[in-house]
Amino acid sequence: MRENGVIISVDENKIQLLTLEGDIRNIPRFDIIYIAYYPIGNILIPKNVAAKDSMVITIKTLYEGEVFDLVKGWMIDHSEDQFSFLSTTGTPTVVDTEDIWDIEITPLSQSINSEPSLSSPYEFVHPYPFMECKTGTEGIGAANELKPRIYPQYLLSEPLLIKNELDRLKKGYDRLQKYDENKRFYPVPKLFSNDTSLGMWVNLGSRYGSSRNRNNSFIPFIRSELTEGPFGFQRVLVTGVAPMNFGIHEEPQFQASYQMKSSYVHFSIMVDISRFNIGQEKYKWSPDEMESYDDRENEIHSISGGFDYGEWSVDVSIMNSVYYAIKHDSLFHKDDIEMSKNGIFYHNRFFRIELFQGFGIDKKPEPVPLDGAENKFEEAAIEAYNESLLSIQNFNTKLNFYRLNLELYNFKFLSPIFSLIHKSLQFERENAPGESQGGFRYSSKSLTNAIFLDYSLDSELKLRGYFSLESSTRKYSESGSLETSSKAYPKAGLSVAFLF
């Protein structure tokens, strides 16, 4: 028996067919002996579609900051970048995956009244190999003779071809089902684009992103973004000099970083690879490039991850190392500090807000007990290490920072990001063993206000710049008294990037 209609669903065992009579029929896949496609200008559905165990798909899109229903109906075909739908009003609609903002899959709970008439204006002729099969319209031949005949455009009659075609359609339904399942883990369908940009930064007034041997201007960067459809795997890879929205400072810094999101998890890793290019010692700040009373900090590497649900995300650092240096007149101290950093984010179609908090403590290492040595070689190594600690003065460092980012989306030409960074450092070092000098106390607090702006000149050229003002207050001991000084540091940067 032949059934004429539109396939509106496919799973492992059956298909659902919306017939020309208004029925939604479940047909086992293994009962299908051929599939014929007919070329007609408009897909007609009956005037009344009976409610049954069928699912209706609603696709929503974002236009000028507002969410609208784009189509409501059934998927009838798909490709890698597009979906074809038959709406409940009988209108065929093609939707680009780029335009999908939201998706809802709901049961067909009541009958649908559509605009087309109940009867089909065509007679669909059997494919030639099946000419003798019954059409289901026997006995009304006179009426059929008045209708124009439509012959099949192509025919699938081999079991393997039928299976491949139904599997292809099933992939489309599975993709939409996956979108619907994963959307609760995404505040917006896409966090990144599919663009790759190549450019460079020019910066003025940098205190943390550069040093005498580290430059953060006129060094190219490449940023590669990938999005595997809405509510899917997404990642961004950055190599070169660029700002870090999670960093302890706002300045562009040399880096190799990777960020990804998939389902309910996100992950990021950053390494300042200039340490390997110029060497560990050259990477560090030297006393003669710092002010008389000054401190500097920048990230060396960072690994973090977290979980997402709806519009909220939490982020926890697995490893976060910060290099710091402190100058107190003629005294100098430099070291690395391991920080614990956490974050909480809120994201919707209007804005994204991020709050980071980090805290770390650094102090003189403790001697290694000799009873842990397994042989004389290890014992000698431990003794040499413990002896080297004798030349290190006892010190204690506490570093704390907060960072608040606010990114706004509903701007026509500019994409502003505001950053507020509060950082505090406390340091105390004792005198060298057997000496009356070398010890000092130092503390500082800084507040940085920064704004980043993006502007696209055209589809292939993009400008980005920032301006920030850091206000720093320092307290330090000198000649037995506690002194205080304050200073403001304006900074700015501009980048030009080509998109491809």
Protein backbone atom coordinates (compact mmCIF):
# COMPACT_ATOMS: atom_id res chain seq x y z
CA MET A 1 0.00 0.00 0.00
CA ARG A 2 1.34 3.41 -0.92
CA GLU A 3 1.36 6.35 1.47
CA ASN A 4 1.77 9.91 0.18
CA GLY A 5 3.00 12.60 2.52
CA VAL A 6 5.99 14.24 4.15
CA ILE A 7 8.48 12.51 6.44
CA ILE A 8 8.51 14.52 9.67
CA SER A 9 10.52 12.23 11.97
CA VAL A 10 12.94 9.29 11.76
CA ASP A 11 14.36 7.11 14.50
CA GLU A 12 16.03 3.70 14.65
CA ASN A 13 12.83 1.72 14.14
CA LYS A 14 10.24 3.85 12.39
CA ILE A 15 9.41 6.99 10.48
CA GLN A 16 6.55 9.41 11.00
CA LEU A 17 4.67 10.47 7.89
CA LEU A 18 2.30 13.40 7.68
CA THR A 19 -0.15 12.16 5.05
CA LEU A 20 -2.26 14.21 2.68
CA GLU A 21 -5.33 13.11 4.62
CA GLY A 22 -4.14 14.76 7.84
CA ASP A 23 -2.95 11.66 9.65
CA ILE A 24 0.42 11.25 11.32
CA ARG A 25 1.34 7.62 10.75
CA ASN A 26 4.11 5.56 12.26
CA ILE A 27 5.62 3.29 9.61
CA PRO A 28 8.26 0.67 10.53
CA ARG A 29 11.46 1.27 8.62
CA PHE A 30 11.68 -2.37 7.54
CA ASP A 31 8.21 -2.21 5.92
CA ILE A 32 9.40 0.41 3.43
CA ILE A 33 10.22 -1.08 0.02
CA TYR A 34 10.72 2.18 -1.86
CA ILE A 35 10.83 5.94 -1.39
CA ALA A 36 9.92 8.25 -4.26
CA TYR A 37 10.40 12.04 -4.27
CA TYR A 38 8.04 14.18 -6.35
CA PRO A 39 8.91 17.65 -7.67
CA ILE A 40 6.19 20.07 -6.61
CA GLY A 41 6.49 23.79 -6.09
CA ASN A 42 4.72 23.94 -2.74
CA ILE A 43 4.42 21.28 -0.11
CA LEU A 44 0.75 20.89 0.75
CA ILE A 45 -0.43 19.68 4.10
CA PRO A 46 -4.07 18.98 4.93
CA LYS A 47 -6.36 21.58 6.37
CA ASN A 48 -6.65 19.71 9.66
CA VAL A 49 -3.76 17.76 11.17
CA ALA A 50 -4.91 15.45 13.93
CA ALA A 51 -3.03 15.59 17.22
CA LYS A 52 -0.96 12.46 17.78
CA ASP A 53 2.36 11.32 19.24
CA SER A 54 4.36 13.77 17.14
CA MET A 55 6.83 16.47 18.16
CA VAL A 56 6.71 20.02 16.84
CA ILE A 57 9.96 22.00 16.61
CA THR A 58 10.05 25.75 17.26
CA ILE A 59 13.14 27.63 16.10
CA LYS A 60 13.80 31.09 17.51
CA THR A 61 16.21 33.71 16.27
CA LEU A 62 17.72 36.93 17.59
CA TYR A 63 17.04 40.10 15.62
CA GLU A 64 18.07 43.58 16.82
CA GLY A 65 18.36 42.35 20.39
CA GLU A 66 14.93 40.68 20.49
CA VAL A 67 14.04 36.98 20.26
CA PHE A 68 11.44 35.99 17.65
CA ASP A 69 9.89 32.72 16.51
CA LEU A 70 11.42 31.92 13.14
CA VAL A 71 9.49 28.75 12.30
CA LYS A 72 7.28 26.21 14.02
CA GLY A 73 6.79 22.85 12.39
CA TRP A 74 8.70 19.74 11.34
CA MET A 75 12.16 19.22 9.91
CA ILE A 76 11.98 17.69 6.43
CA ASP A 77 15.61 17.94 5.27
CA HIS A 78 18.99 19.19 6.39
CA SER A 79 22.58 19.86 5.38
CA GLU A 80 25.67 20.78 7.34
CA ASP A 81 24.75 24.47 7.52
CA GLN A 82 20.98 24.50 7.00
CA PHE A 83 17.71 22.88 8.05
CA SER A 84 14.52 22.73 5.99
CA PHE A 85 11.24 22.88 7.86
CA LEU A 86 7.59 22.48 6.95
CA SER A 87 5.75 24.95 9.14
CA THR A 88 2.40 24.18 10.72
CA THR A 89 0.87 26.66 8.27
CA GLY A 90 2.21 24.68 5.31
CA THR A 91 5.11 26.98 4.43
CA PRO A 92 8.51 25.48 3.58
CA THR A 93 11.25 27.38 5.43
CA VAL A 94 15.03 27.08 5.23
CA VAL A 95 16.93 28.02 8.41
CA ASP A 96 20.68 28.62 8.63
CA THR A 97 22.28 27.12 11.72
CA GLU A 98 23.90 30.54 12.28
CA ASP A 99 20.40 31.97 12.88
CA ILE A 100 19.33 29.49 15.56
CA TRP A 101 19.14 31.27 18.92
CA ASP A 102 16.81 28.90 20.74
CA ILE A 103 14.97 25.65 20.06
CA GLU A 104 11.91 24.05 21.63
CA ILE A 105 10.68 20.53 20.89
CA THR A 106 7.17 20.00 22.24
CA PRO A 107 4.44 17.37 21.72
CA LEU A 108 1.71 18.10 19.20
CA SER A 109 -1.02 18.45 21.82
CA GLN A 110 -3.89 19.67 19.66
CA SER A 111 -5.07 19.60 16.07
CA ILE A 112 -3.55 22.12 13.67
CA ASN A 113 -5.61 24.17 11.25
CA SER A 114 -3.53 25.13 8.23
CA GLU A 115 -4.26 27.26 5.22
CA PRO A 116 -4.02 24.75 2.31
CA SER A 117 -7.08 22.75 1.31
CA LEU A 118 -7.63 19.13 2.28
CA SER A 119 -7.50 17.58 -1.14
CA SER A 120 -4.35 17.32 -3.20
CA PRO A 121 -4.52 19.01 -6.64
CA TYR A 122 -2.15 16.40 -8.11
CA GLU A 123 -2.14 12.75 -8.95
CA PHE A 124 1.18 11.23 -7.85
CA VAL A 125 2.09 8.54 -10.36
CA HIS A 126 3.74 5.34 -9.17
CA PRO A 127 7.39 4.84 -10.12
CA TYR A 128 7.69 2.58 -13.15
CA PRO A 129 8.97 -0.53 -11.28
CA PHE A 130 5.89 -0.34 -9.03
CA MET A 131 3.22 0.55 -11.60
CA GLU A 132 1.08 -2.44 -10.60
CA CYS A 133 0.91 -1.45 -6.92
CA LYS A 134 -2.34 -0.10 -5.58
CA THR A 135 -2.49 3.65 -5.08
CA GLY A 136 -5.34 3.70 -2.60
CA THR A 137 -7.49 5.79 -4.96
CA GLU A 138 -9.11 3.01 -6.93
CA GLY A 139 -12.75 3.60 -7.73
CA ILE A 140 -12.37 7.36 -8.17
CA GLY A 141 -10.51 7.24 -11.44
CA ALA A 142 -12.67 9.93 -13.06
CA ALA A 143 -11.69 12.43 -10.43
CA ASN A 144 -8.02 11.52 -10.76
CA GLU A 145 -8.11 11.96 -14.53
CA LEU A 146 -8.92 15.64 -13.99
CA LYS A 147 -5.80 16.19 -11.89
CA PRO A 148 -2.37 16.90 -13.36
CA ARG A 149 -0.03 13.99 -13.05
CA ILE A 150 3.25 14.32 -11.16
CA TYR A 151 5.97 11.78 -11.85
CA PRO A 152 8.70 10.93 -9.31
CA GLN A 153 11.94 12.88 -9.62
CA TYR A 154 14.07 10.08 -8.21
CA LEU A 155 13.50 6.72 -6.65
CA LEU A 156 15.13 4.77 -3.83
CA SER A 157 14.26 1.10 -4.19
CA GLU A 158 17.34 -0.72 -2.88
CA PRO A 159 17.27 -1.53 0.86
CA LEU A 160 20.75 -0.08 1.35
CA LEU A 161 19.80 3.19 -0.38
CA ILE A 162 16.64 3.45 1.69
CA LYS A 163 18.60 2.84 4.88
CA ASN A 164 21.22 5.46 3.98
CA GLU A 165 18.55 8.05 3.20
CA LEU A 166 16.66 7.44 6.44
CA ASP A 167 19.92 7.48 8.41
CA ARG A 168 20.79 10.81 6.81
CA LEU A 169 17.45 12.29 7.85
CA LYS A 170 17.83 10.80 11.31
CA LYS A 171 21.12 12.68 11.76
CA GLY A 172 19.24 15.93 11.25
CA TYR A 173 16.63 15.06 13.86
CA ASP A 174 19.39 13.92 16.23
CA ARG A 175 21.23 17.23 15.79
CA LEU A 176 18.11 19.20 16.69
CA GLN A 177 17.46 16.91 19.64
CA LYS A 178 21.03 17.46 20.84
CA TYR A 179 20.60 21.22 20.51
CA ASP A 180 17.50 21.01 22.70
CA GLU A 181 19.26 18.83 25.30
CA ASN A 182 22.44 20.94 25.50
CA LYS A 183 20.93 24.41 25.46
CA ARG A 184 20.49 24.41 29.24
CA PHE A 185 24.29 24.46 29.55
CA TYR A 186 24.76 27.48 27.25
CA PRO A 187 23.76 31.05 28.10
CA VAL A 188 23.88 31.85 24.38
CA PRO A 189 24.17 29.45 21.41
CA LYS A 190 27.69 30.57 20.50
CA LEU A 191 30.43 31.98 22.68
CA PHE A 192 32.90 32.27 19.80
CA SER A 193 32.74 32.75 16.04
CA ASN A 194 34.44 30.83 13.26
CA ASP A 195 36.92 33.61 12.45
CA THR A 196 40.69 33.62 12.49
CA SER A 197 42.44 36.95 13.06
CA LEU A 198 46.05 37.99 12.55
CA GLY A 199 47.30 41.27 13.96
CA MET A 200 49.54 43.06 16.44
CA TRP A 201 49.35 45.40 19.42
CA VAL A 202 51.06 48.72 20.09
CA ASN A 203 51.08 49.59 23.80
CA LEU A 204 52.09 52.58 25.90
CA GLY A 205 52.79 52.68 29.62
CA SER A 206 52.91 48.92 30.20
CA ARG A 207 54.14 47.90 33.66
CA TYR A 208 53.34 44.19 33.81
CA GLY A 209 52.98 42.85 30.28
CA SER A 210 56.51 43.85 29.30
CA SER A 211 59.96 44.39 30.76
CA ARG A 212 63.43 45.23 29.46
CA ASN A 213 63.75 41.84 27.79
CA ARG A 214 60.04 41.21 27.15
CA ASN A 215 58.22 43.31 24.61
CA ASN A 216 54.46 43.52 24.14
CA SER A 217 54.39 45.82 21.11
CA PHE A 218 54.79 45.01 17.41
CA ILE A 219 54.66 41.27 18.08
CA PRO A 220 52.07 39.46 15.93
CA PHE A 221 49.26 37.44 17.41
CA ILE A 222 46.95 34.91 15.83
CA ARG A 223 43.54 34.13 17.27
CA SER A 224 41.63 31.14 15.93
CA GLU A 225 37.99 30.61 16.94
CA LEU A 226 35.88 27.54 16.20
CA THR A 227 32.20 26.81 16.84
CA GLU A 228 30.72 23.46 15.89
CA GLY A 229 27.18 24.74 15.52
CA PRO A 230 24.90 26.23 18.18
CA PHE A 231 25.07 24.64 21.63
CA GLY A 232 28.07 22.56 20.55
CA PHE A 233 31.81 22.31 21.09
CA GLN A 234 33.55 25.69 20.94
CA ARG A 235 37.15 26.79 21.41
CA VAL A 236 39.55 29.67 20.91
CA LEU A 237 43.33 29.46 20.50
CA VAL A 238 45.56 32.53 20.95
CA THR A 239 49.29 32.73 20.27
CA GLY A 240 51.22 35.99 20.62
CA VAL A 241 50.61 39.24 22.50
CA ALA A 242 47.00 39.74 23.61
CA PRO A 243 45.01 40.77 26.70
CA MET A 244 43.80 38.13 29.16
CA ASN A 245 40.33 38.66 30.60
CA PHE A 246 41.16 36.42 33.58
CA GLY A 247 44.59 37.89 34.38
CA ILE A 248 45.92 39.77 37.36
CA HIS A 249 46.52 42.78 35.11
CA GLU A 250 44.80 44.26 32.06
CA GLU A 251 47.80 44.72 29.74
CA PRO A 252 48.43 42.61 26.62
CA GLN A 253 50.99 39.91 27.41
CA PHE A 254 52.81 37.27 25.39
CA GLN A 255 50.98 33.97 25.70
CA ALA A 256 49.85 30.70 24.23
CA SER A 257 46.33 30.10 25.50
CA TYR A 258 43.49 27.72 24.81
CA GLN A 259 39.87 27.98 25.96
CA MET A 260 37.09 25.52 25.24
CA LYS A 261 33.49 24.80 26.15
CA SER A 262 31.56 21.61 25.59
CA SER A 263 28.22 20.77 27.15
CA TYR A 264 28.33 21.60 30.87
CA VAL A 265 32.11 22.05 31.24
CA HIS A 266 34.66 24.68 30.27
CA PHE A 267 38.45 24.65 30.44
CA SER A 268 41.31 27.07 29.83
CA ILE A 269 45.09 26.96 29.89
CA MET A 270 47.63 29.77 29.44
CA VAL A 271 51.43 29.72 29.31
CA ASP A 272 53.74 32.70 28.84
CA ILE A 273 56.09 31.02 26.39
CA SER A 274 58.47 33.99 26.33
CA ARG A 275 60.06 32.40 29.42
CA PHE A 276 61.36 29.67 27.15
CA ASN A 277 62.36 32.05 24.35
CA ILE A 278 64.53 34.43 26.38
CA GLY A 279 65.37 32.27 29.40
CA GLN A 280 64.26 32.24 33.01
CA GLU A 281 66.65 34.92 34.31
CA LYS A 282 66.11 37.39 31.47
CA TYR A 283 62.36 36.97 31.90
CA LYS A 284 62.49 38.44 35.41
CA TRP A 285 62.45 42.12 36.25
CA SER A 286 65.71 43.74 37.33
CA PRO A 287 66.03 46.48 39.99
CA ASP A 288 67.18 49.18 37.58
CA GLU A 289 63.96 49.03 35.52
CA MET A 290 61.70 49.57 38.55
CA GLU A 291 60.99 52.65 40.62
CA SER A 292 62.60 53.17 44.02
CA TYR A 293 59.57 51.67 45.77
CA ASP A 294 57.65 49.48 43.39
CA ASP A 295 56.16 46.04 42.79
CA ARG A 296 55.29 44.13 39.60
CA GLU A 297 53.24 40.97 38.98
CA ASN A 298 52.26 38.91 35.98
CA GLU A 299 50.94 35.43 35.26
CA ILE A 300 53.41 32.73 34.22
CA HIS A 301 50.91 29.98 33.58
CA SER A 302 47.33 29.22 34.48
CA ILE A 303 45.08 26.16 34.25
CA SER A 304 41.43 26.36 35.23
CA GLY A 305 38.10 24.73 34.55
CA GLY A 306 34.53 24.73 35.71
CA PHE A 307 30.90 23.94 35.15
CA ASP A 308 28.08 25.77 33.39
CA TYR A 309 24.33 25.65 33.81
CA GLY A 310 21.92 28.09 32.28
CA GLU A 311 23.27 31.60 32.54
CA TRP A 312 25.66 30.80 35.42
CA SER A 313 29.18 29.38 35.48
CA VAL A 314 31.73 28.63 38.19
CA ASP A 315 35.47 28.49 37.55
CA VAL A 316 38.22 26.97 39.72
CA SER A 317 41.96 27.20 39.09
CA ILE A 318 43.91 23.96 39.02
CA MET A 319 47.25 25.75 38.79
CA ASN A 320 47.98 29.47 38.72
CA SER A 321 51.55 30.78 39.04
CA VAL A 322 52.38 34.47 39.29
CA TYR A 323 55.86 35.99 39.07
CA TYR A 324 56.40 39.05 41.27
CA ALA A 325 59.21 41.47 42.08
CA ILE A 326 59.51 44.07 44.86
CA LYS A 327 61.96 46.93 45.08
CA HIS A 328 62.56 48.80 48.33
CA ASP A 329 65.18 51.46 47.64
CA SER A 330 68.39 49.43 47.23
CA LEU A 331 66.79 46.17 48.38
CA PHE A 332 65.19 43.79 45.94
CA HIS A 333 63.16 40.59 46.10
CA LYS A 334 61.74 38.40 43.32
CA ASP A 335 60.05 35.02 43.31
CA ASP A 336 57.09 32.97 42.05
CA ILE A 337 53.88 32.52 43.99
CA GLU A 338 51.18 29.89 43.58
CA MET A 339 47.71 31.38 43.74
CA SER A 340 44.29 29.90 44.31
CA LYS A 341 41.89 31.57 41.89
CA ASN A 342 38.12 31.17 41.59
CA GLY A 343 35.50 32.80 39.44
CA ILE A 344 31.77 33.10 38.96
CA PHE A 345 30.16 34.28 35.70
CA TYR A 346 26.71 35.41 34.58
CA HIS A 347 25.92 35.63 30.88
CA ASN A 348 22.82 36.48 28.84
CA ARG A 349 22.09 38.07 25.48
CA PHE A 350 22.54 41.59 26.86
CA PHE A 351 25.78 41.33 28.82
CA ARG A 352 28.39 39.06 30.40
CA ILE A 353 29.75 39.70 33.88
CA GLU A 354 32.74 37.88 35.40
CA LEU A 355 34.13 38.04 38.92
CA PHE A 356 37.53 36.53 39.75
CA GLN A 357 39.20 36.27 43.14
CA GLY A 358 42.72 35.05 43.77
CA PHE A 359 44.90 34.63 46.84
CA GLY A 360 48.41 33.31 47.35
CA ILE A 361 51.09 33.03 50.04
CA ASP A 362 54.83 32.66 49.48
CA LYS A 363 57.54 32.12 52.07
CA LYS A 364 61.01 30.66 52.53
CA PRO A 365 61.07 26.90 51.84
CA GLU A 366 61.46 24.55 54.77
CA PRO A 367 64.58 22.32 55.03
CA VAL A 368 64.16 18.74 53.80
CA PRO A 369 64.65 16.10 56.55
CA LEU A 370 67.65 13.82 55.99
CA ASP A 371 65.77 10.73 57.11
CA GLY A 372 64.00 10.71 53.75
CA ALA A 373 67.22 9.91 51.85
CA GLU A 374 67.47 6.38 50.48
CA ASN A 375 71.20 6.47 49.68
CA LYS A 376 74.30 8.62 50.09
CA PHE A 377 73.73 10.45 46.82
CA GLU A 378 70.27 11.61 47.88
CA GLU A 379 71.60 12.52 51.32
CA ALA A 380 74.33 14.67 49.75
CA ALA A 381 71.78 16.38 47.50
CA ILE A 382 69.50 17.11 50.46
CA GLU A 383 72.40 18.52 52.47
CA ALA A 384 73.40 20.77 49.59
CA TYR A 385 69.83 21.99 49.22
CA ASN A 386 69.43 22.68 52.93
CA GLU A 387 72.75 24.53 52.96
CA SER A 388 71.59 26.75 50.08
CA LEU A 389 68.55 27.72 52.15
CA LEU A 390 70.80 29.25 54.79
CA SER A 391 71.63 32.13 52.46
CA ILE A 392 67.94 32.92 51.95
CA GLN A 393 66.37 35.36 54.38
CA ASN A 394 63.05 34.50 55.97
CA PHE A 395 60.23 36.26 54.16
CA ASN A 396 56.46 36.18 53.84
CA THR A 397 54.40 37.36 50.88
CA LYS A 398 50.61 37.67 50.62
CA LEU A 399 49.06 38.54 47.27
CA ASN A 400 45.33 39.07 46.79
CA PHE A 401 43.35 40.31 43.81
CA TYR A 402 39.79 40.79 42.57
CA ARG A 403 38.79 41.34 38.98
CA LEU A 404 35.37 42.32 37.66
CA ASN A 405 34.66 42.24 33.90
CA LEU A 406 31.50 43.56 32.26
CA GLU A 407 30.95 43.00 28.54
CA LEU A 408 27.99 44.70 26.83
CA TYR A 409 26.48 43.38 23.60
CA ASN A 410 23.70 45.75 22.47
CA PHE A 411 25.97 48.31 20.87
CA LYS A 412 25.72 48.78 17.11
CA PHE A 413 29.31 49.69 16.31
CA LEU A 414 31.42 49.18 19.43
CA SER A 415 31.72 46.17 21.73
CA PRO A 416 32.80 47.61 25.10
CA ILE A 417 34.33 45.61 27.94
CA PHE A 418 34.89 47.24 31.33
CA SER A 419 37.41 45.81 33.79
CA LEU A 420 37.96 46.73 37.42
CA ILE A 421 41.01 45.17 39.12
CA HIS A 422 41.87 45.50 42.80
CA LYS A 423 45.20 44.11 43.93
CA SER A 424 46.91 44.10 47.33
CA LEU A 425 50.40 42.92 48.26
CA GLN A 426 51.96 42.49 51.69
CA PHE A 427 55.63 41.59 52.08
CA GLU A 428 57.98 41.25 55.03
CA ARG A 429 61.61 40.07 54.99
CA GLU A 430 63.91 39.55 57.95
CA ASN A 431 67.54 40.59 58.11
CA ALA A 432 70.14 38.22 56.74
CA PRO A 433 71.49 35.69 59.29
CA GLY A 434 74.14 37.36 61.47
CA GLU A 435 73.55 40.79 59.88
CA SER A 436 71.59 43.89 60.80
CA GLN A 437 70.41 44.77 57.31
CA GLY A 438 68.57 43.30 54.35
CA GLY A 439 65.14 43.13 55.96
CA PHE A 440 62.25 45.41 55.05
CA ARG A 441 58.49 45.73 54.98
CA TYR A 442 56.47 46.71 51.95
CA SER A 443 52.77 46.76 51.09
CA SER A 444 50.77 48.13 48.19
CA LYS A 445 47.21 48.46 46.99
CA SER A 446 46.21 49.28 43.45
CA LEU A 447 42.92 49.87 41.66
CA THR A 448 42.80 49.68 37.88
CA ASN A 449 39.93 50.88 35.69
CA ALA A 450 40.12 49.71 32.08
CA ILE A 451 37.89 49.86 29.03
CA PHE A 452 38.35 47.78 25.87
CA LEU A 453 36.62 48.68 22.61
CA ASP A 454 36.22 46.65 19.41
CA TYR A 455 35.35 48.23 16.08
CA SER A 456 35.02 46.43 12.74
CA LEU A 457 36.05 48.56 9.78
CA ASP A 458 34.71 45.91 7.39
CA SER A 459 34.33 42.15 7.24
CA GLU A 460 38.10 41.66 6.99
CA LEU A 461 39.60 44.36 9.23
CA LYS A 462 39.07 44.94 12.93
CA LEU A 463 40.40 47.52 15.38
CA ARG A 464 40.68 46.96 19.11
CA GLY A 465 42.01 49.28 21.74
CA TYR A 466 42.08 49.87 25.45
CA PHE A 467 42.68 52.64 27.93
CA SER A 468 43.30 52.08 31.62
CA LEU A 469 44.27 54.04 34.70
CA GLU A 470 45.99 52.34 37.62
CA SER A 471 46.05 54.10 41.00
CA SER A 472 48.64 52.64 43.35
CA THR A 473 49.30 53.34 47.04
CA ARG A 474 52.46 51.98 48.69
CA LYS A 475 53.58 51.74 52.28
CA TYR A 476 57.17 51.00 53.20
CA SER A 477 59.55 51.36 56.11
CA GLU A 478 62.43 53.80 55.78
CA SER A 479 64.74 55.13 58.51
CA GLY A 480 62.58 53.45 61.13
CA SER A 481 59.38 55.23 60.04
CA LEU A 482 56.47 54.16 57.85
CA GLU A 483 56.21 56.10 54.61
CA THR A 484 53.31 56.28 52.15
CA SER A 485 53.31 57.23 48.48
CA SER A 486 50.69 57.23 45.74
CA LYS A 487 50.91 57.39 41.99
CA ALA A 488 48.67 57.00 38.94
CA TYR A 489 49.70 55.14 35.80
CA PRO A 490 47.78 55.77 32.55
CA LYS A 491 48.11 53.07 29.90
CA ALA A 492 46.77 52.54 26.40
CA GLY A 493 47.02 50.13 23.51
CA LEU A 494 45.76 49.67 19.96
CA SER A 495 45.66 46.62 17.72
CA VAL A 496 44.84 46.05 14.07
CA ALA A 497 43.78 42.58 12.97
CA PHE A 498 42.90 41.01 9.63
CA LEU A 499 40.05 38.48 9.65
CA PHE A 500 39.95 35.45 7.42
